Amino acid sequence: MEAQKSEVALADEFFDTSKKLKAEISKVIIGQEDVVNLVLTAIFCQGHCLLVGVPGLAKTLLINTIASVLDLNFKRIQFTPDLMPSDIVGSETLDNNRNFKFVKGPIFANIILADEINRTPPKTQSALLESMQEFSVTVSGNIYNLEKPFFVLATQNPIEQEGTYPLPEAQLDRFMFNLFLDYPSYQSELSIVKNTTTANRPIANKVLDRNQILAYQDLVRKVPVPDNVIEYAVKLVHKTRAKSEHAPEISKKYLEWGAGPRASQYLVIAAKCNALMHNKYSPDIEDVKAIAPSVLRHRIVRNFKAEADGVSVDEIISKLL
């Protein structure tokens, strides 16, 4: 009973803390409330985020701001065509005594900003696969564990295709959310211009430290989920598979490949965190619907007919919901 009480108290504290986090981030990032909410959700679910948007929408600034409100070690990796895997994970070098010594790369941090991740070849992108799934790095047969919490927040430009490489499906599947940043509204852009063209620069203060984040991550895992919510999440994923018995006509007509079991897992755990952020102790179907597009967007593949008919992935997802 005492444990339950303490978890309820921690859930209330989590709700208050998430409001403080958003308030601090909003000092620097104007608008984009949904994106901020989903990035924080991914962090508390031990997930990774891919932010897609045209240049100038503050993708990098958003990640820098989130790193500043969380008292964590932050590293930025600028992905370029000549970047090598060893530039990310590190490499072994000879020391003065002619012994091999492992020099850690920038991947050894709590928050990694993978800037313009699609500008480097798949060989280098694959250097992130083990770290994102296993939270470890293997070099010359030796396994080096990464300090938790560990998040990869990657950015990508959707319109410039020259000199870019498509992310492999295995890499895309490692990302919990694929978030699309749209242009700000007229009022938001007015506020952005007013706030960023003066001598006063807003500063976001630190709100959380490493131990608190780990405690909240553990709390999210403990949130109870009703069976009907789990069934809804799994059924939704099955609807994306054209050959599934649950597949509606739109999936059979327009989808080549559907989402895998990892999508079902992410739907449930993200719904848990979304419920806590809205001061609820257990998620409902509305929480699953709120995060479903970001979980499914990069996990379903349209066929040629969908492209010919101009049917987007988001349109298909909204009809499945």
C-alpha atoms as a PDB file:
ATOM      1  CA  MET A   1       0.000   0.000   0.000  1.00  0.00           C
ATOM      2  CA  GLU A   2       2.849   2.377   0.884  1.00  0.00           C
ATOM      3  CA  ALA A   3       4.538   1.598  -2.451  1.00  0.00           C
ATOM      4  CA  GLN A   4       1.300   2.409  -4.289  1.00  0.00           C
ATOM      5  CA  LYS A   5       0.976   5.697  -2.398  1.00  0.00           C
ATOM      6  CA  SER A   6       4.562   6.649  -3.224  1.00  0.00           C
ATOM      7  CA  GLU A   7       4.010   5.824  -6.914  1.00  0.00           C
ATOM      8  CA  VAL A   8       0.857   7.971  -6.971  1.00  0.00           C
ATOM      9  CA  ALA A   9       2.821  10.803  -5.331  1.00  0.00           C
ATOM     10  CA  LEU A  10       5.596  10.331  -7.903  1.00  0.00           C
ATOM     11  CA  ALA A  11       3.000  10.421 -10.709  1.00  0.00           C
ATOM     12  CA  ASP A  12       1.659  13.740  -9.357  1.00  0.00           C
ATOM     13  CA  GLU A  13       5.218  15.051  -9.128  1.00  0.00           C
ATOM     14  CA  PHE A  14       5.867  13.908 -12.717  1.00  0.00           C
ATOM     15  CA  PHE A  15       2.838  15.875 -13.946  1.00  0.00           C
ATOM     16  CA  ASP A  16       4.058  19.044 -12.175  1.00  0.00           C
ATOM     17  CA  THR A  17       7.626  18.550 -13.443  1.00  0.00           C
ATOM     18  CA  SER A  18       6.502  18.030 -17.046  1.00  0.00           C
ATOM     19  CA  LYS A  19       4.614  21.364 -16.847  1.00  0.00           C
ATOM     20  CA  LYS A  20       7.779  23.074 -15.543  1.00  0.00           C
ATOM     21  CA  LEU A  21       9.843  21.509 -18.349  1.00  0.00           C
ATOM     22  CA  LYS A  22       7.432  22.761 -21.017  1.00  0.00           C
ATOM     23  CA  ALA A  23       7.363  26.236 -19.418  1.00  0.00           C
ATOM     24  CA  GLU A  24      11.173  26.485 -19.487  1.00  0.00           C
ATOM     25  CA  ILE A  25      11.387  25.189 -23.077  1.00  0.00           C
ATOM     26  CA  SER A  26       8.686  27.665 -24.195  1.00  0.00           C
ATOM     27  CA  LYS A  27      10.961  30.539 -23.124  1.00  0.00           C
ATOM     28  CA  VAL A  28      13.166  29.670 -26.118  1.00  0.00           C
ATOM     29  CA  ILE A  29      10.903  27.639 -28.436  1.00  0.00           C
ATOM     30  CA  ILE A  30       7.707  29.459 -29.395  1.00  0.00           C
ATOM     31  CA  GLY A  31       4.887  27.243 -30.668  1.00  0.00           C
ATOM     32  CA  GLN A  32       5.579  23.583 -31.578  1.00  0.00           C
ATOM     33  CA  GLU A  33       3.841  22.475 -28.328  1.00  0.00           C
ATOM     34  CA  ASP A  34       2.895  19.066 -29.764  1.00  0.00           C
ATOM     35  CA  VAL A  35       6.465  18.390 -30.908  1.00  0.00           C
ATOM     36  CA  VAL A  36       7.900  19.395 -27.508  1.00  0.00           C
ATOM     37  CA  ASN A  37       5.362  17.142 -25.774  1.00  0.00           C
ATOM     38  CA  LEU A  38       6.284  14.159 -27.973  1.00  0.00           C
ATOM     39  CA  VAL A  39      10.061  14.646 -27.611  1.00  0.00           C
ATOM     40  CA  LEU A  40       9.678  14.707 -23.810  1.00  0.00           C
ATOM     41  CA  THR A  41       7.436  11.618 -24.038  1.00  0.00           C
ATOM     42  CA  ALA A  42      10.151   9.766 -25.970  1.00  0.00           C
ATOM     43  CA  ILE A  43      12.775  10.740 -23.375  1.00  0.00           C
ATOM     44  CA  PHE A  44      10.682   9.439 -20.465  1.00  0.00           C
ATOM     45  CA  CYS A  45       9.951   6.231 -22.422  1.00  0.00           C
ATOM     46  CA  GLN A  46      13.675   5.598 -23.128  1.00  0.00           C
ATOM     47  CA  GLY A  47      13.013   6.176 -26.825  1.00  0.00           C
ATOM     48  CA  HIS A  48      14.676   8.087 -29.654  1.00  0.00           C
ATOM     49  CA  CYS A  49      13.242  10.785 -31.958  1.00  0.00           C
ATOM     50  CA  LEU A  50      13.650  11.695 -35.604  1.00  0.00           C
ATOM     51  CA  LEU A  51      12.696  15.332 -36.304  1.00  0.00           C
ATOM     52  CA  VAL A  52      11.881  16.068 -39.940  1.00  0.00           C
ATOM     53  CA  GLY A  53      11.427  19.599 -41.222  1.00  0.00           C
ATOM     54  CA  VAL A  54      12.681  22.201 -43.681  1.00  0.00           C
ATOM     55  CA  PRO A  55      15.652  24.381 -42.636  1.00  0.00           C
ATOM     56  CA  GLY A  56      15.005  27.188 -40.181  1.00  0.00           C
ATOM     57  CA  LEU A  57      12.251  25.578 -38.088  1.00  0.00           C
ATOM     58  CA  ALA A  58      14.443  25.397 -34.942  1.00  0.00           C
ATOM     59  CA  LYS A  59      14.950  21.610 -34.951  1.00  0.00           C
ATOM     60  CA  THR A  60      18.518  21.900 -33.659  1.00  0.00           C
ATOM     61  CA  LEU A  61      17.589  24.730 -31.258  1.00  0.00           C
ATOM     62  CA  LEU A  62      14.762  22.600 -29.834  1.00  0.00           C
ATOM     63  CA  ILE A  63      17.155  19.728 -29.067  1.00  0.00           C
ATOM     64  CA  ASN A  64      19.764  22.114 -27.611  1.00  0.00           C
ATOM     65  CA  THR A  65      17.082  23.670 -25.386  1.00  0.00           C
ATOM     66  CA  ILE A  66      15.849  20.280 -24.148  1.00  0.00           C
ATOM     67  CA  ALA A  67      19.447  19.315 -23.356  1.00  0.00           C
ATOM     68  CA  SER A  68      19.852  22.532 -21.354  1.00  0.00           C
ATOM     69  CA  VAL A  69      16.766  21.921 -19.153  1.00  0.00           C
ATOM     70  CA  LEU A  70      17.938  18.364 -18.418  1.00  0.00           C
ATOM     71  CA  ASP A  71      21.148  18.255 -16.400  1.00  0.00           C
ATOM     72  CA  LEU A  72      22.778  15.698 -18.708  1.00  0.00           C
ATOM     73  CA  ASN A  73      25.920  15.285 -20.810  1.00  0.00           C
ATOM     74  CA  PHE A  74      25.147  16.504 -24.353  1.00  0.00           C
ATOM     75  CA  LYS A  75      27.089  15.937 -27.595  1.00  0.00           C
ATOM     76  CA  ARG A  76      26.345  17.060 -31.133  1.00  0.00           C
ATOM     77  CA  ILE A  77      27.472  15.037 -34.166  1.00  0.00           C
ATOM     78  CA  GLN A  78      27.275  16.799 -37.527  1.00  0.00           C
ATOM     79  CA  PHE A  79      26.644  14.051 -40.076  1.00  0.00           C
ATOM     80  CA  THR A  80      28.570  14.548 -43.340  1.00  0.00           C
ATOM     81  CA  PRO A  81      29.322  12.255 -46.335  1.00  0.00           C
ATOM     82  CA  ASP A  82      32.922  11.671 -45.152  1.00  0.00           C
ATOM     83  CA  LEU A  83      31.998  10.801 -41.533  1.00  0.00           C
ATOM     84  CA  MET A  84      33.272   7.341 -40.495  1.00  0.00           C
ATOM     85  CA  PRO A  85      31.822   4.945 -37.863  1.00  0.00           C
ATOM     86  CA  SER A  86      34.935   5.440 -35.711  1.00  0.00           C
ATOM     87  CA  ASP A  87      34.192   9.186 -35.652  1.00  0.00           C
ATOM     88  CA  ILE A  88      30.983   8.314 -33.762  1.00  0.00           C
ATOM     89  CA  VAL A  89      31.821   5.347 -31.513  1.00  0.00           C
ATOM     90  CA  GLY A  90      35.547   5.941 -31.028  1.00  0.00           C
ATOM     91  CA  SER A  91      38.617   3.907 -31.935  1.00  0.00           C
ATOM     92  CA  GLU A  92      41.631   2.126 -30.489  1.00  0.00           C
ATOM     93  CA  THR A  93      44.981   3.920 -30.635  1.00  0.00           C
ATOM     94  CA  LEU A  94      48.496   3.081 -29.457  1.00  0.00           C
ATOM     95  CA  ASP A  95      49.585   4.814 -26.264  1.00  0.00           C
ATOM     96  CA  ASN A  96      53.162   5.706 -25.248  1.00  0.00           C
ATOM     97  CA  ASN A  97      53.766   2.132 -23.992  1.00  0.00           C
ATOM     98  CA  ARG A  98      52.658   0.672 -27.346  1.00  0.00           C
ATOM     99  CA  ASN A  99      49.451  -0.705 -25.809  1.00  0.00           C
ATOM    100  CA  PHE A 100      46.078  -0.309 -27.454  1.00  0.00           C
ATOM    101  CA  LYS A 101      43.867   2.216 -25.691  1.00  0.00           C
ATOM    102  CA  PHE A 102      40.212   2.876 -26.528  1.00  0.00           C
ATOM    103  CA  VAL A 103      39.423   6.549 -27.108  1.00  0.00           C
ATOM    104  CA  LYS A 104      35.701   7.137 -26.661  1.00  0.00           C
ATOM    105  CA  GLY A 105      33.768   8.907 -29.409  1.00  0.00           C
ATOM    106  CA  PRO A 106      30.948  11.442 -29.022  1.00  0.00           C
ATOM    107  CA  ILE A 107      28.361   8.626 -28.711  1.00  0.00           C
ATOM    108  CA  PHE A 108      29.399   8.392 -25.034  1.00  0.00           C
ATOM    109  CA  ALA A 109      26.970  11.037 -23.775  1.00  0.00           C
ATOM    110  CA  ASN A 110      23.410  11.096 -22.396  1.00  0.00           C
ATOM    111  CA  ILE A 111      21.862  13.112 -25.224  1.00  0.00           C
ATOM    112  CA  ILE A 112      23.140  12.797 -28.795  1.00  0.00           C
ATOM    113  CA  LEU A 113      22.105  15.294 -31.452  1.00  0.00           C
ATOM    114  CA  ALA A 114      22.561  13.516 -34.809  1.00  0.00           C
ATOM    115  CA  ASP A 115      22.321  16.589 -37.027  1.00  0.00           C
ATOM    116  CA  GLU A 116      21.279  15.968 -40.674  1.00  0.00           C
ATOM    117  CA  ILE A 117      21.486  12.205 -40.118  1.00  0.00           C
ATOM    118  CA  ASN A 118      20.672  11.414 -43.767  1.00  0.00           C
ATOM    119  CA  ARG A 119      23.816  13.179 -45.036  1.00  0.00           C
ATOM    120  CA  THR A 120      26.063  10.227 -44.178  1.00  0.00           C
ATOM    121  CA  PRO A 121      26.182   6.795 -45.908  1.00  0.00           C
ATOM    122  CA  PRO A 122      24.353   3.781 -44.394  1.00  0.00           C
ATOM    123  CA  LYS A 123      27.711   2.332 -43.281  1.00  0.00           C
ATOM    124  CA  THR A 124      28.170   5.239 -40.863  1.00  0.00           C
ATOM    125  CA  GLN A 125      24.468   5.431 -39.925  1.00  0.00           C
ATOM    126  CA  SER A 126      24.726   1.778 -38.822  1.00  0.00           C
ATOM    127  CA  ALA A 127      27.214   2.827 -36.117  1.00  0.00           C
ATOM    128  CA  LEU A 128      24.161   4.047 -34.174  1.00  0.00           C
ATOM    129  CA  LEU A 129      22.190   0.779 -34.407  1.00  0.00           C
ATOM    130  CA  GLU A 130      23.730  -1.059 -31.436  1.00  0.00           C
ATOM    131  CA  SER A 131      23.832   2.021 -29.202  1.00  0.00           C
ATOM    132  CA  MET A 132      20.161   2.854 -29.852  1.00  0.00           C
ATOM    133  CA  GLN A 133      18.933  -0.681 -29.149  1.00  0.00           C
ATOM    134  CA  GLU A 134      21.404  -2.227 -26.694  1.00  0.00           C
ATOM    135  CA  PHE A 135      22.768   0.964 -25.048  1.00  0.00           C
ATOM    136  CA  SER A 136      26.281  -0.309 -25.699  1.00  0.00           C
ATOM    137  CA  VAL A 137      29.100  -0.093 -28.264  1.00  0.00           C
ATOM    138  CA  THR A 138      31.290  -2.972 -29.494  1.00  0.00           C
ATOM    139  CA  VAL A 139      34.818  -2.116 -30.682  1.00  0.00           C
ATOM    140  CA  SER A 140      37.426  -4.799 -31.479  1.00  0.00           C
ATOM    141  CA  GLY A 141      35.352  -7.426 -29.662  1.00  0.00           C
ATOM    142  CA  ASN A 142      35.066  -5.360 -26.464  1.00  0.00           C
ATOM    143  CA  ILE A 143      31.652  -4.157 -25.258  1.00  0.00           C
ATOM    144  CA  TYR A 144      31.428  -0.685 -23.721  1.00  0.00           C
ATOM    145  CA  ASN A 145      28.180   0.195 -21.956  1.00  0.00           C
ATOM    146  CA  LEU A 146      26.683   3.659 -22.388  1.00  0.00           C
ATOM    147  CA  GLU A 147      25.573   5.622 -19.341  1.00  0.00           C
ATOM    148  CA  LYS A 148      21.799   5.824 -18.940  1.00  0.00           C
ATOM    149  CA  PRO A 149      19.688   7.760 -19.671  1.00  0.00           C
ATOM    150  CA  PHE A 150      20.701   7.717 -23.344  1.00  0.00           C
ATOM    151  CA  PHE A 151      18.741   9.343 -26.187  1.00  0.00           C
ATOM    152  CA  VAL A 152      19.428   9.953 -29.857  1.00  0.00           C
ATOM    153  CA  LEU A 153      17.569  12.964 -31.245  1.00  0.00           C
ATOM    154  CA  ALA A 154      18.162  13.166 -35.004  1.00  0.00           C
ATOM    155  CA  THR A 155      17.227  15.844 -37.534  1.00  0.00           C
ATOM    156  CA  GLN A 156      16.513  15.447 -41.237  1.00  0.00           C
ATOM    157  CA  ASN A 157      15.645  17.793 -44.114  1.00  0.00           C
ATOM    158  CA  PRO A 158      12.796  16.334 -46.229  1.00  0.00           C
ATOM    159  CA  ILE A 159      13.141  18.517 -49.331  1.00  0.00           C
ATOM    160  CA  GLU A 160      16.847  18.424 -50.175  1.00  0.00           C
ATOM    161  CA  GLN A 161      17.715  15.052 -51.719  1.00  0.00           C
ATOM    162  CA  GLU A 162      21.058  15.851 -53.350  1.00  0.00           C
ATOM    163  CA  GLY A 163      23.953  14.377 -51.373  1.00  0.00           C
ATOM    164  CA  THR A 164      21.662  12.499 -48.975  1.00  0.00           C
ATOM    165  CA  TYR A 165      21.156   8.804 -48.242  1.00  0.00           C
ATOM    166  CA  PRO A 166      17.817   7.240 -47.257  1.00  0.00           C
ATOM    167  CA  LEU A 167      17.781   5.852 -43.723  1.00  0.00           C
ATOM    168  CA  PRO A 168      17.739   2.018 -43.718  1.00  0.00           C
ATOM    169  CA  GLU A 169      14.506   0.469 -42.412  1.00  0.00           C
ATOM    170  CA  ALA A 170      16.377  -1.048 -39.429  1.00  0.00           C
ATOM    171  CA  GLN A 171      17.637   2.427 -38.512  1.00  0.00           C
ATOM    172  CA  LEU A 172      14.183   4.021 -38.886  1.00  0.00           C
ATOM    173  CA  ASP A 173      12.611   1.325 -36.704  1.00  0.00           C
ATOM    174  CA  ARG A 174      14.975   2.244 -33.850  1.00  0.00           C
ATOM    175  CA  PHE A 175      13.288   5.657 -33.599  1.00  0.00           C
ATOM    176  CA  MET A 176      10.257   5.688 -31.338  1.00  0.00           C
ATOM    177  CA  PHE A 177       8.775   8.780 -33.007  1.00  0.00           C
ATOM    178  CA  ASN A 178       9.043  10.388 -36.416  1.00  0.00           C
ATOM    179  CA  LEU A 179       8.019  14.008 -35.814  1.00  0.00           C
ATOM    180  CA  PHE A 180       7.201  16.423 -38.634  1.00  0.00           C
ATOM    181  CA  LEU A 181       7.822  20.092 -37.858  1.00  0.00           C
ATOM    182  CA  ASP A 182       5.562  22.417 -39.809  1.00  0.00           C
ATOM    183  CA  TYR A 183       5.820  26.178 -40.366  1.00  0.00           C
ATOM    184  CA  PRO A 184       4.774  28.309 -37.357  1.00  0.00           C
ATOM    185  CA  SER A 185       1.462  30.150 -37.360  1.00  0.00           C
ATOM    186  CA  TYR A 186       1.381  33.887 -38.165  1.00  0.00           C
ATOM    187  CA  GLN A 187       1.076  34.862 -34.472  1.00  0.00           C
ATOM    188  CA  SER A 188       3.856  32.444 -33.427  1.00  0.00           C
ATOM    189  CA  GLU A 189       6.171  33.804 -36.115  1.00  0.00           C
ATOM    190  CA  LEU A 190       5.485  37.375 -34.938  1.00  0.00           C
ATOM    191  CA  SER A 191       6.542  36.331 -31.396  1.00  0.00           C
ATOM    192  CA  ILE A 192       9.617  34.502 -32.732  1.00  0.00           C
ATOM    193  CA  VAL A 193      10.811  37.566 -34.648  1.00  0.00           C
ATOM    194  CA  LYS A 194      10.178  39.904 -31.678  1.00  0.00           C
ATOM    195  CA  ASN A 195      12.033  37.628 -29.245  1.00  0.00           C
ATOM    196  CA  THR A 196      15.041  36.809 -31.435  1.00  0.00           C
ATOM    197  CA  THR A 197      15.924  40.202 -32.905  1.00  0.00           C
ATOM    198  CA  THR A 198      16.791  41.991 -29.669  1.00  0.00           C
ATOM    199  CA  ALA A 199      19.842  41.963 -27.403  1.00  0.00           C
ATOM    200  CA  ASN A 200      18.003  39.936 -24.732  1.00  0.00           C
ATOM    201  CA  ARG A 201      18.352  36.200 -25.220  1.00  0.00           C
ATOM    202  CA  PRO A 202      15.987  33.964 -23.255  1.00  0.00           C
ATOM    203  CA  ILE A 203      17.687  31.223 -21.221  1.00  0.00           C
ATOM    204  CA  ALA A 204      16.027  27.958 -20.186  1.00  0.00           C
ATOM    205  CA  ASN A 205      16.940  26.863 -16.641  1.00  0.00           C
ATOM    206  CA  LYS A 206      17.734  23.307 -15.597  1.00  0.00           C
ATOM    207  CA  VAL A 207      14.728  21.434 -14.211  1.00  0.00           C
ATOM    208  CA  LEU A 208      15.699  17.751 -13.982  1.00  0.00           C
ATOM    209  CA  ASP A 209      18.824  15.762 -13.179  1.00  0.00           C
ATOM    210  CA  ARG A 210      19.876  12.256 -14.208  1.00  0.00           C
ATOM    211  CA  ASN A 211      18.476  10.405 -11.162  1.00  0.00           C
ATOM    212  CA  GLN A 212      15.060  12.052 -11.463  1.00  0.00           C
ATOM    213  CA  ILE A 213      14.842  11.125 -15.158  1.00  0.00           C
ATOM    214  CA  LEU A 214      15.711   7.485 -14.383  1.00  0.00           C
ATOM    215  CA  ALA A 215      13.042   7.452 -11.629  1.00  0.00           C
ATOM    216  CA  TYR A 216      10.411   8.825 -14.027  1.00  0.00           C
ATOM    217  CA  GLN A 217      11.410   6.313 -16.714  1.00  0.00           C
ATOM    218  CA  ASP A 218      10.901   3.536 -14.164  1.00  0.00           C
ATOM    219  CA  LEU A 219       7.533   5.046 -13.141  1.00  0.00           C
ATOM    220  CA  VAL A 220       6.270   5.087 -16.761  1.00  0.00           C
ATOM    221  CA  ARG A 221       6.980   1.355 -17.037  1.00  0.00           C
ATOM    222  CA  LYS A 222       4.902   0.685 -13.896  1.00  0.00           C
ATOM    223  CA  VAL A 223       1.748   2.475 -15.109  1.00  0.00           C
ATOM    224  CA  PRO A 224      -1.106  -0.079 -15.355  1.00  0.00           C
ATOM    225  CA  VAL A 225      -2.821  -0.437 -18.745  1.00  0.00           C
ATOM    226  CA  PRO A 226      -6.368  -1.824 -19.251  1.00  0.00           C
ATOM    227  CA  ASP A 227      -6.614  -4.851 -21.567  1.00  0.00           C
ATOM    228  CA  ASN A 228      -8.894  -3.008 -24.000  1.00  0.00           C
ATOM    229  CA  VAL A 229      -6.203  -0.332 -24.547  1.00  0.00           C
ATOM    230  CA  ILE A 230      -3.527  -2.950 -25.289  1.00  0.00           C
ATOM    231  CA  GLU A 231      -5.940  -4.759 -27.628  1.00  0.00           C
ATOM    232  CA  TYR A 232      -6.696  -1.475 -29.433  1.00  0.00           C
ATOM    233  CA  ALA A 233      -2.965  -0.722 -29.904  1.00  0.00           C
ATOM    234  CA  VAL A 234      -2.151  -4.206 -31.227  1.00  0.00           C
ATOM    235  CA  LYS A 235      -5.214  -4.224 -33.514  1.00  0.00           C
ATOM    236  CA  LEU A 236      -4.222  -0.820 -34.902  1.00  0.00           C
ATOM    237  CA  VAL A 237      -0.769  -2.159 -35.811  1.00  0.00           C
ATOM    238  CA  HIS A 238      -2.319  -5.270 -37.402  1.00  0.00           C
ATOM    239  CA  LYS A 239      -4.523  -2.980 -39.522  1.00  0.00           C
ATOM    240  CA  THR A 240      -1.346  -1.655 -41.199  1.00  0.00           C
ATOM    241  CA  ARG A 241      -0.442  -5.132 -42.507  1.00  0.00           C
ATOM    242  CA  ALA A 242      -2.121  -5.761 -45.864  1.00  0.00           C
ATOM    243  CA  LYS A 243      -2.268  -9.546 -45.346  1.00  0.00           C
ATOM    244  CA  SER A 244      -3.627  -9.418 -41.786  1.00  0.00           C
ATOM    245  CA  GLU A 245      -7.167 -10.570 -41.023  1.00  0.00           C
ATOM    246  CA  HIS A 246      -7.746  -7.150 -39.393  1.00  0.00           C
ATOM    247  CA  ALA A 247      -6.584  -5.171 -42.458  1.00  0.00           C
ATOM    248  CA  PRO A 248      -9.268  -2.818 -43.838  1.00  0.00           C
ATOM    249  CA  GLU A 249      -9.667  -2.162 -47.566  1.00  0.00           C
ATOM    250  CA  ILE A 250      -7.435   0.953 -47.505  1.00  0.00           C
ATOM    251  CA  SER A 251      -4.457  -1.089 -46.203  1.00  0.00           C
ATOM    252  CA  LYS A 252      -4.922  -3.813 -48.823  1.00  0.00           C
ATOM    253  CA  LYS A 253      -5.166  -1.169 -51.523  1.00  0.00           C
ATOM    254  CA  TYR A 254      -2.348   1.204 -50.558  1.00  0.00           C
ATOM    255  CA  LEU A 255       0.177  -0.486 -48.222  1.00  0.00           C
ATOM    256  CA  GLU A 256       3.168  -2.615 -49.197  1.00  0.00           C
ATOM    257  CA  TRP A 257       4.529  -3.227 -45.695  1.00  0.00           C
ATOM    258  CA  GLY A 258       3.021  -2.702 -42.253  1.00  0.00           C
ATOM    259  CA  ALA A 259       4.429  -1.894 -38.816  1.00  0.00           C
ATOM    260  CA  GLY A 260       6.150  -4.571 -36.702  1.00  0.00           C
ATOM    261  CA  PRO A 261       5.667  -5.603 -33.061  1.00  0.00           C
ATOM    262  CA  ARG A 262       7.943  -2.785 -31.868  1.00  0.00           C
ATOM    263  CA  ALA A 263       5.215  -0.350 -32.977  1.00  0.00           C
ATOM    264  CA  SER A 264       2.709  -2.077 -30.640  1.00  0.00           C
ATOM    265  CA  GLN A 265       5.168  -1.822 -27.751  1.00  0.00           C
ATOM    266  CA  TYR A 266       5.839   1.863 -28.423  1.00  0.00           C
ATOM    267  CA  LEU A 267       2.119   2.660 -28.744  1.00  0.00           C
ATOM    268  CA  VAL A 268       1.434   1.238 -25.283  1.00  0.00           C
ATOM    269  CA  ILE A 269       4.426   2.704 -23.444  1.00  0.00           C
ATOM    270  CA  ALA A 270       4.010   6.147 -25.075  1.00  0.00           C
ATOM    271  CA  ALA A 271       0.305   6.099 -24.169  1.00  0.00           C
ATOM    272  CA  LYS A 272       1.336   5.485 -20.535  1.00  0.00           C
ATOM    273  CA  CYS A 273       3.597   8.545 -20.543  1.00  0.00           C
ATOM    274  CA  ASN A 274       0.998  10.664 -22.372  1.00  0.00           C
ATOM    275  CA  ALA A 275      -1.540   9.759 -19.661  1.00  0.00           C
ATOM    276  CA  LEU A 276       0.860  10.806 -16.861  1.00  0.00           C
ATOM    277  CA  MET A 277       1.552  14.106 -18.641  1.00  0.00           C
ATOM    278  CA  HIS A 278      -2.190  14.794 -18.613  1.00  0.00           C
ATOM    279  CA  ASN A 279      -2.565  13.956 -14.907  1.00  0.00           C
ATOM    280  CA  LYS A 280      -4.093  10.500 -15.442  1.00  0.00           C
ATOM    281  CA  TYR A 281      -2.901   7.360 -13.660  1.00  0.00           C
ATOM    282  CA  SER A 282      -3.742   4.987 -16.516  1.00  0.00           C
ATOM    283  CA  PRO A 283      -3.965   5.447 -20.304  1.00  0.00           C
ATOM    284  CA  ASP A 284      -7.113   5.139 -22.387  1.00  0.00           C
ATOM    285  CA  ILE A 285      -7.683   4.739 -26.133  1.00  0.00           C
ATOM    286  CA  GLU A 286      -7.469   8.520 -26.639  1.00  0.00           C
ATOM    287  CA  ASP A 287      -3.852   8.416 -25.381  1.00  0.00           C
ATOM    288  CA  VAL A 288      -3.010   5.765 -27.985  1.00  0.00           C
ATOM    289  CA  LYS A 289      -4.638   7.854 -30.722  1.00  0.00           C
ATOM    290  CA  ALA A 290      -2.684  10.944 -29.638  1.00  0.00           C
ATOM    291  CA  ILE A 291       0.715   9.365 -30.256  1.00  0.00           C
ATOM    292  CA  ALA A 292      -0.167   6.841 -33.008  1.00  0.00           C
ATOM    293  CA  PRO A 293       0.745   8.965 -36.083  1.00  0.00           C
ATOM    294  CA  SER A 294       4.260   9.652 -34.740  1.00  0.00           C
ATOM    295  CA  VAL A 295       4.829   5.951 -33.972  1.00  0.00           C
ATOM    296  CA  LEU A 296       3.441   4.578 -37.256  1.00  0.00           C
ATOM    297  CA  ARG A 297       4.499   7.269 -39.750  1.00  0.00           C
ATOM    298  CA  HIS A 298       7.952   5.776 -40.482  1.00  0.00           C
ATOM    299  CA  ARG A 299       6.975   2.125 -40.064  1.00  0.00           C
ATOM    300  CA  ILE A 300       4.512   1.669 -42.912  1.00  0.00           C
ATOM    301  CA  VAL A 301       5.478   1.602 -46.586  1.00  0.00           C
ATOM    302  CA  ARG A 302       3.059   2.717 -49.299  1.00  0.00           C
ATOM    303  CA  ASN A 303       2.809   0.846 -52.589  1.00  0.00           C
ATOM    304  CA  PHE A 304       3.016   2.332 -56.085  1.00  0.00           C
ATOM    305  CA  LYS A 305      -0.762   2.823 -56.299  1.00  0.00           C
ATOM    306  CA  ALA A 306      -0.765   5.010 -53.166  1.00  0.00           C
ATOM    307  CA  GLU A 307       1.978   7.201 -54.628  1.00  0.00           C
ATOM    308  CA  ALA A 308       0.182   7.387 -57.998  1.00  0.00           C
ATOM    309  CA  ASP A 309      -3.086   8.390 -56.275  1.00  0.00           C
ATOM    310  CA  GLY A 310      -1.285  10.944 -54.093  1.00  0.00           C
ATOM    311  CA  VAL A 311      -2.356   9.292 -50.833  1.00  0.00           C
ATOM    312  CA  SER A 312       0.038  10.224 -48.003  1.00  0.00           C
ATOM    313  CA  VAL A 313       1.066   8.043 -45.058  1.00  0.00           C
ATOM    314  CA  ASP A 314      -0.634  10.429 -42.606  1.00  0.00           C
ATOM    315  CA  GLU A 315      -3.923  10.195 -44.547  1.00  0.00           C
ATOM    316  CA  ILE A 316      -3.805   6.408 -44.341  1.00  0.00           C
ATOM    317  CA  ILE A 317      -3.073   6.508 -40.593  1.00  0.00           C
ATOM    318  CA  SER A 318      -5.936   8.947 -39.905  1.00  0.00           C
ATOM    319  CA  LYS A 319      -8.344   6.597 -41.723  1.00  0.00           C
ATOM    320  CA  LEU A 320      -7.049   3.607 -39.743  1.00  0.00           C
ATOM    321  CA  LEU A 321      -7.703   5.556 -36.525  1.00  0.00           C
END
